[in-house]
Amino acid sequence: MSLTDDLTAVQRCLDDLVRSVSRLEQRVGAGGLEIRRVRTDADHLRESLALLRETAPEERPRPEMVPVPDAPYDSALWSDVDDEGLGARDRHAP
């Protein structure tokens, strides 16, 4: 997953959490200290995620992968090249 996908998934989860907290508030009442703390914590999480989105590095596109075949290369590609460290094939080292 990309960073954007991860941040979007967290945002969806936080949205679900906020909806669940709202339903819970309706059932137990919004006046209790415990539910206010849960609401405040959920709000802080949303604010923190917003800050994280703003400071997250930009994603760079991944370079295209080039497959390298396992088959041997055509020997004609190397017909006129020097052997590294040995010189040309038709000459001898001094």
C-alpha atoms as a PDB file:
ATOM      1  CA  MET A   1       0.000   0.000   0.000  1.00  0.00           C
ATOM      2  CA  SER A   2       1.096   3.529  -0.633  1.00  0.00           C
ATOM      3  CA  LEU A   3       1.246   6.204   2.021  1.00  0.00           C
ATOM      4  CA  THR A   4      -1.844   7.876   0.572  1.00  0.00           C
ATOM      5  CA  ASP A   5      -3.747   4.592   0.755  1.00  0.00           C
ATOM      6  CA  ASP A   6      -2.705   4.112   4.380  1.00  0.00           C
ATOM      7  CA  LEU A   7      -3.741   7.644   5.337  1.00  0.00           C
ATOM      8  CA  THR A   8      -7.084   7.186   3.591  1.00  0.00           C
ATOM      9  CA  ALA A   9      -7.671   3.903   5.431  1.00  0.00           C
ATOM     10  CA  VAL A  10      -6.918   5.573   8.769  1.00  0.00           C
ATOM     11  CA  GLN A  11      -9.277   8.427   7.881  1.00  0.00           C
ATOM     12  CA  ARG A  12     -12.069   5.954   7.170  1.00  0.00           C
ATOM     13  CA  CYS A  13     -11.476   4.224  10.493  1.00  0.00           C
ATOM     14  CA  LEU A  14     -11.518   7.542  12.341  1.00  0.00           C
ATOM     15  CA  ASP A  15     -14.751   8.515  10.611  1.00  0.00           C
ATOM     16  CA  ASP A  16     -16.259   5.201  11.780  1.00  0.00           C
ATOM     17  CA  LEU A  17     -14.994   5.889  15.296  1.00  0.00           C
ATOM     18  CA  VAL A  18     -16.561   9.365  15.361  1.00  0.00           C
ATOM     19  CA  ARG A  19     -19.899   7.944  14.184  1.00  0.00           C
ATOM     20  CA  SER A  20     -19.750   5.230  16.841  1.00  0.00           C
ATOM     21  CA  VAL A  21     -18.938   7.763  19.541  1.00  0.00           C
ATOM     22  CA  SER A  22     -21.918   9.872  18.421  1.00  0.00           C
ATOM     23  CA  ARG A  23     -24.228   6.858  18.709  1.00  0.00           C
ATOM     24  CA  LEU A  24     -22.762   6.056  22.103  1.00  0.00           C
ATOM     25  CA  GLU A  25     -23.354   9.638  23.242  1.00  0.00           C
ATOM     26  CA  GLN A  26     -27.000   9.326  22.294  1.00  0.00           C
ATOM     27  CA  ARG A  27     -27.354   6.164  24.381  1.00  0.00           C
ATOM     28  CA  VAL A  28     -25.450   7.167  27.522  1.00  0.00           C
ATOM     29  CA  GLY A  29     -25.880  10.927  27.346  1.00  0.00           C
ATOM     30  CA  ALA A  30     -23.320  13.597  26.527  1.00  0.00           C
ATOM     31  CA  GLY A  31     -22.931  14.945  30.053  1.00  0.00           C
ATOM     32  CA  GLY A  32     -20.622  12.334  31.548  1.00  0.00           C
ATOM     33  CA  LEU A  33     -16.914  12.921  31.936  1.00  0.00           C
ATOM     34  CA  GLU A  34     -16.018   9.593  30.344  1.00  0.00           C
ATOM     35  CA  ILE A  35     -17.926  10.174  27.105  1.00  0.00           C
ATOM     36  CA  ARG A  36     -16.571  13.725  26.848  1.00  0.00           C
ATOM     37  CA  ARG A  37     -13.041  12.311  27.147  1.00  0.00           C
ATOM     38  CA  VAL A  38     -13.739   9.766  24.426  1.00  0.00           C
ATOM     39  CA  ARG A  39     -15.171  12.498  22.174  1.00  0.00           C
ATOM     40  CA  THR A  40     -12.152  14.734  22.841  1.00  0.00           C
ATOM     41  CA  ASP A  41      -9.717  11.906  22.146  1.00  0.00           C
ATOM     42  CA  ALA A  42     -11.446  11.105  18.852  1.00  0.00           C
ATOM     43  CA  ASP A  43     -11.305  14.773  17.867  1.00  0.00           C
ATOM     44  CA  HIS A  44      -7.603  14.925  18.743  1.00  0.00           C
ATOM     45  CA  LEU A  45      -6.968  11.874  16.566  1.00  0.00           C
ATOM     46  CA  ARG A  46      -8.707  13.550  13.638  1.00  0.00           C
ATOM     47  CA  GLU A  47      -6.649  16.729  14.133  1.00  0.00           C
ATOM     48  CA  SER A  48      -3.435  14.722  14.383  1.00  0.00           C
ATOM     49  CA  LEU A  49      -4.220  12.833  11.198  1.00  0.00           C
ATOM     50  CA  ALA A  50      -4.921  16.114   9.396  1.00  0.00           C
ATOM     51  CA  LEU A  51      -1.509  17.417  10.504  1.00  0.00           C
ATOM     52  CA  LEU A  52       0.116  14.175   9.385  1.00  0.00           C
ATOM     53  CA  ARG A  53      -1.503  14.482   5.952  1.00  0.00           C
ATOM     54  CA  GLU A  54      -0.145  18.025   5.604  1.00  0.00           C
ATOM     55  CA  THR A  55       3.421  17.042   6.522  1.00  0.00           C
ATOM     56  CA  ALA A  56       3.539  13.684   4.731  1.00  0.00           C
ATOM     57  CA  PRO A  57       6.137  13.565   1.973  1.00  0.00           C
ATOM     58  CA  GLU A  58       4.939  13.538  -1.598  1.00  0.00           C
ATOM     59  CA  GLU A  59       4.908  10.150  -3.164  1.00  0.00           C
ATOM     60  CA  ARG A  60       7.127   9.736  -6.153  1.00  0.00           C
ATOM     61  CA  PRO A  61       6.041   7.406  -8.883  1.00  0.00           C
ATOM     62  CA  ARG A  62       7.932   4.154  -8.791  1.00  0.00           C
ATOM     63  CA  PRO A  63      10.210   3.588 -11.744  1.00  0.00           C
ATOM     64  CA  GLU A  64       8.978   1.055 -14.226  1.00  0.00           C
ATOM     65  CA  MET A  65      10.443  -2.375 -13.655  1.00  0.00           C
ATOM     66  CA  VAL A  66      12.294  -3.796 -16.640  1.00  0.00           C
ATOM     67  CA  PRO A  67      12.305  -7.577 -16.714  1.00  0.00           C
ATOM     68  CA  VAL A  68      15.667  -9.198 -17.401  1.00  0.00           C
ATOM     69  CA  PRO A  69      15.340 -12.585 -19.075  1.00  0.00           C
ATOM     70  CA  ASP A  70      17.180 -15.595 -17.685  1.00  0.00           C
ATOM     71  CA  ALA A  71      18.069 -16.808 -21.178  1.00  0.00           C
ATOM     72  CA  PRO A  72      21.683 -16.196 -22.278  1.00  0.00           C
ATOM     73  CA  TYR A  73      22.396 -13.148 -24.423  1.00  0.00           C
ATOM     74  CA  ASP A  74      23.073 -13.511 -28.132  1.00  0.00           C
ATOM     75  CA  SER A  75      26.860 -13.912 -28.495  1.00  0.00           C
ATOM     76  CA  ALA A  76      26.768 -11.757 -31.639  1.00  0.00           C
ATOM     77  CA  LEU A  77      26.261  -8.751 -29.343  1.00  0.00           C
ATOM     78  CA  TRP A  78      29.807  -9.225 -28.034  1.00  0.00           C
ATOM     79  CA  SER A  79      31.617 -10.085 -31.287  1.00  0.00           C
ATOM     80  CA  ASP A  80      33.653  -6.864 -31.625  1.00  0.00           C
ATOM     81  CA  VAL A  81      34.339  -5.966 -27.985  1.00  0.00           C
ATOM     82  CA  ASP A  82      37.502  -6.253 -25.920  1.00  0.00           C
ATOM     83  CA  ASP A  83      37.645  -8.612 -22.976  1.00  0.00           C
ATOM     84  CA  GLU A  84      37.945  -6.415 -19.918  1.00  0.00           C
ATOM     85  CA  GLY A  85      41.492  -6.553 -18.616  1.00  0.00           C
ATOM     86  CA  LEU A  86      42.665  -8.866 -21.388  1.00  0.00           C
ATOM     87  CA  GLY A  87      42.506  -6.629 -24.445  1.00  0.00           C
ATOM     88  CA  ALA A  88      41.381  -7.608 -27.917  1.00  0.00           C
ATOM     89  CA  ARG A  89      40.871 -11.291 -28.730  1.00  0.00           C
ATOM     90  CA  ASP A  90      43.237 -11.314 -31.695  1.00  0.00           C
ATOM     91  CA  ARG A  91      46.190  -9.716 -29.811  1.00  0.00           C
ATOM     92  CA  HIS A  92      48.336 -11.004 -26.952  1.00  0.00           C
ATOM     93  CA  ALA A  93      49.221  -9.132 -23.813  1.00  0.00           C
ATOM     94  CA  PRO A  94      52.808  -7.795 -23.732  1.00  0.00           C
END
